[in-house]
C-alpha atoms as a PDB file:
ATOM      1  CA  UNK A   1      -0.237  -7.524  -2.405  1.00  0.00           C
ATOM      2  CA  UNK A   2      -3.220  -9.819  -3.547  1.00  0.00           C
ATOM      3  CA  UNK A   3      -6.512  -8.984  -2.358  1.00  0.00           C
ATOM      4  CA  UNK A   4      -9.598 -11.257  -2.058  1.00  0.00           C
ATOM      5  CA  UNK A   5     -10.229 -11.487  -5.751  1.00  0.00           C
ATOM      6  CA  UNK A   6      -6.665 -12.633  -6.418  1.00  0.00           C
ATOM      7  CA  UNK A   7      -5.603  -9.277  -8.043  1.00  0.00           C
ATOM      8  CA  UNK A   8      -2.788  -7.174  -7.142  1.00  0.00           C
ATOM      9  CA  UNK A   9      -2.909  -4.100  -4.954  1.00  0.00           C
ATOM     10  CA  UNK A  10      -0.023  -1.304  -4.479  1.00  0.00           C
ATOM     11  CA  UNK A  11      -0.110   1.132  -1.639  1.00  0.00           C
ATOM     12  CA  UNK A  12       2.082   4.268  -2.582  1.00  0.00           C
ATOM     13  CA  UNK A  13       3.407   6.792  -0.417  1.00  0.00           C
ATOM     14  CA  UNK A  14       3.417  10.307  -2.096  1.00  0.00           C
ATOM     15  CA  UNK A  15       5.574  13.242  -1.347  1.00  0.00           C
ATOM     16  CA  UNK A  16       4.548  16.139   0.912  1.00  0.00           C
ATOM     17  CA  UNK A  17       3.118  18.956  -1.457  1.00  0.00           C
ATOM     18  CA  UNK A  18       1.958  16.247  -4.372  1.00  0.00           C
ATOM     19  CA  UNK A  19      -1.458  15.434  -4.666  1.00  0.00           C
ATOM     20  CA  UNK A  20      -2.489  11.763  -5.914  1.00  0.00           C
ATOM     21  CA  UNK A  21      -4.646  11.735  -8.879  1.00  0.00           C
ATOM     22  CA  UNK A  22      -5.827   9.405 -11.770  1.00  0.00           C
ATOM     23  CA  UNK A  23      -3.014  10.000 -13.891  1.00  0.00           C
ATOM     24  CA  UNK A  24      -0.443   9.213 -11.520  1.00  0.00           C
ATOM     25  CA  UNK A  25      -2.398   6.208 -10.735  1.00  0.00           C
ATOM     26  CA  UNK A  26      -2.284   5.078 -14.470  1.00  0.00           C
ATOM     27  CA  UNK A  27       1.298   5.980 -15.053  1.00  0.00           C
ATOM     28  CA  UNK A  28       2.354   3.549 -12.028  1.00  0.00           C
ATOM     29  CA  UNK A  29       0.550   0.720 -13.237  1.00  0.00           C
ATOM     30  CA  UNK A  30       2.309   1.176 -16.890  1.00  0.00           C
ATOM     31  CA  UNK A  31       5.522   1.798 -15.225  1.00  0.00           C
ATOM     32  CA  UNK A  32       4.952  -1.609 -13.168  1.00  0.00           C
ATOM     33  CA  UNK A  33       4.114  -3.348 -16.499  1.00  0.00           C
ATOM     34  CA  UNK A  34       6.530  -2.400 -18.204  1.00  0.00           C
ATOM     35  CA  UNK A  35       9.271  -2.945 -15.417  1.00  0.00           C
ATOM     36  CA  UNK A  36       8.060  -6.348 -14.138  1.00  0.00           C
ATOM     37  CA  UNK A  37       5.602  -7.617 -16.795  1.00  0.00           C
ATOM     38  CA  UNK A  38       1.951  -7.445 -17.255  1.00  0.00           C
ATOM     39  CA  UNK A  39       1.262 -10.216 -14.883  1.00  0.00           C
ATOM     40  CA  UNK A  40       2.503  -8.111 -12.017  1.00  0.00           C
ATOM     41  CA  UNK A  41       0.751  -4.925 -12.804  1.00  0.00           C
ATOM     42  CA  UNK A  42      -1.522  -3.733 -10.086  1.00  0.00           C
ATOM     43  CA  UNK A  43      -5.131  -3.643 -10.556  1.00  0.00           C
ATOM     44  CA  UNK A  44      -5.635  -1.204  -7.901  1.00  0.00           C
ATOM     45  CA  UNK A  45      -3.128   1.821  -6.529  1.00  0.00           C
ATOM     46  CA  UNK A  46      -4.036   3.202  -3.454  1.00  0.00           C
ATOM     47  CA  UNK A  47      -2.133   6.067  -2.076  1.00  0.00           C
ATOM     48  CA  UNK A  48      -1.264   6.437   1.818  1.00  0.00           C
ATOM     49  CA  UNK A  49       0.824   9.234   3.452  1.00  0.00           C
ATOM     50  CA  UNK A  50       2.892   6.515   5.099  1.00  0.00           C
ATOM     51  CA  UNK A  51       3.259   2.878   5.519  1.00  0.00           C
ATOM     52  CA  UNK A  52       3.604   0.799   8.964  1.00  0.00           C
ATOM     53  CA  UNK A  53       6.919   0.659   9.676  1.00  0.00           C
ATOM     54  CA  UNK A  54       9.046  -0.619  12.517  1.00  0.00           C
ATOM     55  CA  UNK A  55      11.423   1.641  14.346  1.00  0.00           C
ATOM     56  CA  UNK A  56      14.106   0.250  11.979  1.00  0.00           C
ATOM     57  CA  UNK A  57      12.340   1.740   9.299  1.00  0.00           C
ATOM     58  CA  UNK A  58      11.251  -1.486   7.667  1.00  0.00           C
ATOM     59  CA  UNK A  59       7.741  -1.985   6.230  1.00  0.00           C
ATOM     60  CA  UNK A  60       5.826  -4.195   7.915  1.00  0.00           C
ATOM     61  CA  UNK A  61       3.922  -6.074   4.942  1.00  0.00           C
ATOM     62  CA  UNK A  62       2.294  -8.554   7.346  1.00  0.00           C
ATOM     63  CA  UNK A  63       0.350  -5.971   8.983  1.00  0.00           C
ATOM     64  CA  UNK A  64      -0.651  -4.251   5.460  1.00  0.00           C
ATOM     65  CA  UNK A  65      -2.346  -7.122   4.102  1.00  0.00           C
ATOM     66  CA  UNK A  66      -4.716  -7.687   6.801  1.00  0.00           C
ATOM     67  CA  UNK A  67      -5.221  -4.134   7.708  1.00  0.00           C
ATOM     68  CA  UNK A  68      -6.420  -3.783   3.890  1.00  0.00           C
ATOM     69  CA  UNK A  69      -8.720  -6.812   3.966  1.00  0.00           C
ATOM     70  CA  UNK A  70     -10.407  -5.654   7.228  1.00  0.00           C
ATOM     71  CA  UNK A  71      -8.917  -8.506   9.306  1.00  0.00           C
ATOM     72  CA  UNK A  72      -7.171  -8.132  12.609  1.00  0.00           C
ATOM     73  CA  UNK A  73      -3.244  -6.966  11.433  1.00  0.00           C
ATOM     74  CA  UNK A  74      -2.405  -8.705  14.775  1.00  0.00           C
ATOM     75  CA  UNK A  75       0.595  -7.496  17.317  1.00  0.00           C
ATOM     76  CA  UNK A  76       1.454  -3.758  16.127  1.00  0.00           C
ATOM     77  CA  UNK A  77       3.277  -2.946  19.045  1.00  0.00           C
ATOM     78  CA  UNK A  78       6.771  -2.985  17.123  1.00  0.00           C
ATOM     79  CA  UNK A  79       5.343  -0.210  15.117  1.00  0.00           C
ATOM     80  CA  UNK A  80       6.777   3.375  14.819  1.00  0.00           C
ATOM     81  CA  UNK A  81       3.820   4.871  13.499  1.00  0.00           C
ATOM     82  CA  UNK A  82       0.532   2.676  14.539  1.00  0.00           C
ATOM     83  CA  UNK A  83      -1.608   4.975  13.135  1.00  0.00           C
ATOM     84  CA  UNK A  84      -0.904   4.150   9.536  1.00  0.00           C
ATOM     85  CA  UNK A  85      -2.646   0.773   9.895  1.00  0.00           C
ATOM     86  CA  UNK A  86      -6.074   2.768  10.030  1.00  0.00           C
ATOM     87  CA  UNK A  87      -4.796   4.583   7.070  1.00  0.00           C
ATOM     88  CA  UNK A  88      -4.229   1.462   5.314  1.00  0.00           C
ATOM     89  CA  UNK A  89      -7.903   0.667   5.902  1.00  0.00           C
ATOM     90  CA  UNK A  90      -9.236   3.623   4.310  1.00  0.00           C
ATOM     91  CA  UNK A  91      -6.756   4.201   1.562  1.00  0.00           C
ATOM     92  CA  UNK A  92      -7.827   6.627  -1.154  1.00  0.00           C
END
């Protein structure tokens, strides 16, 4: 997803028992760069416990971008886990 400065950001869920750190952040950027090309490498990697999902477990990408940018995410009544919107806003 692109931020205000036209840069890519990635939101990553980590497994319970694992802690996010700078080494993992760098490894993820490098992995995306190798797999998709340097133009798709995220400048920011943000860690969250979970992403906003519907009851069918589909990630609601249309909610993530406005939440991260500080805008109103719109109707979130279909979310299984509405608390994740606030988590995206304050991602690590």
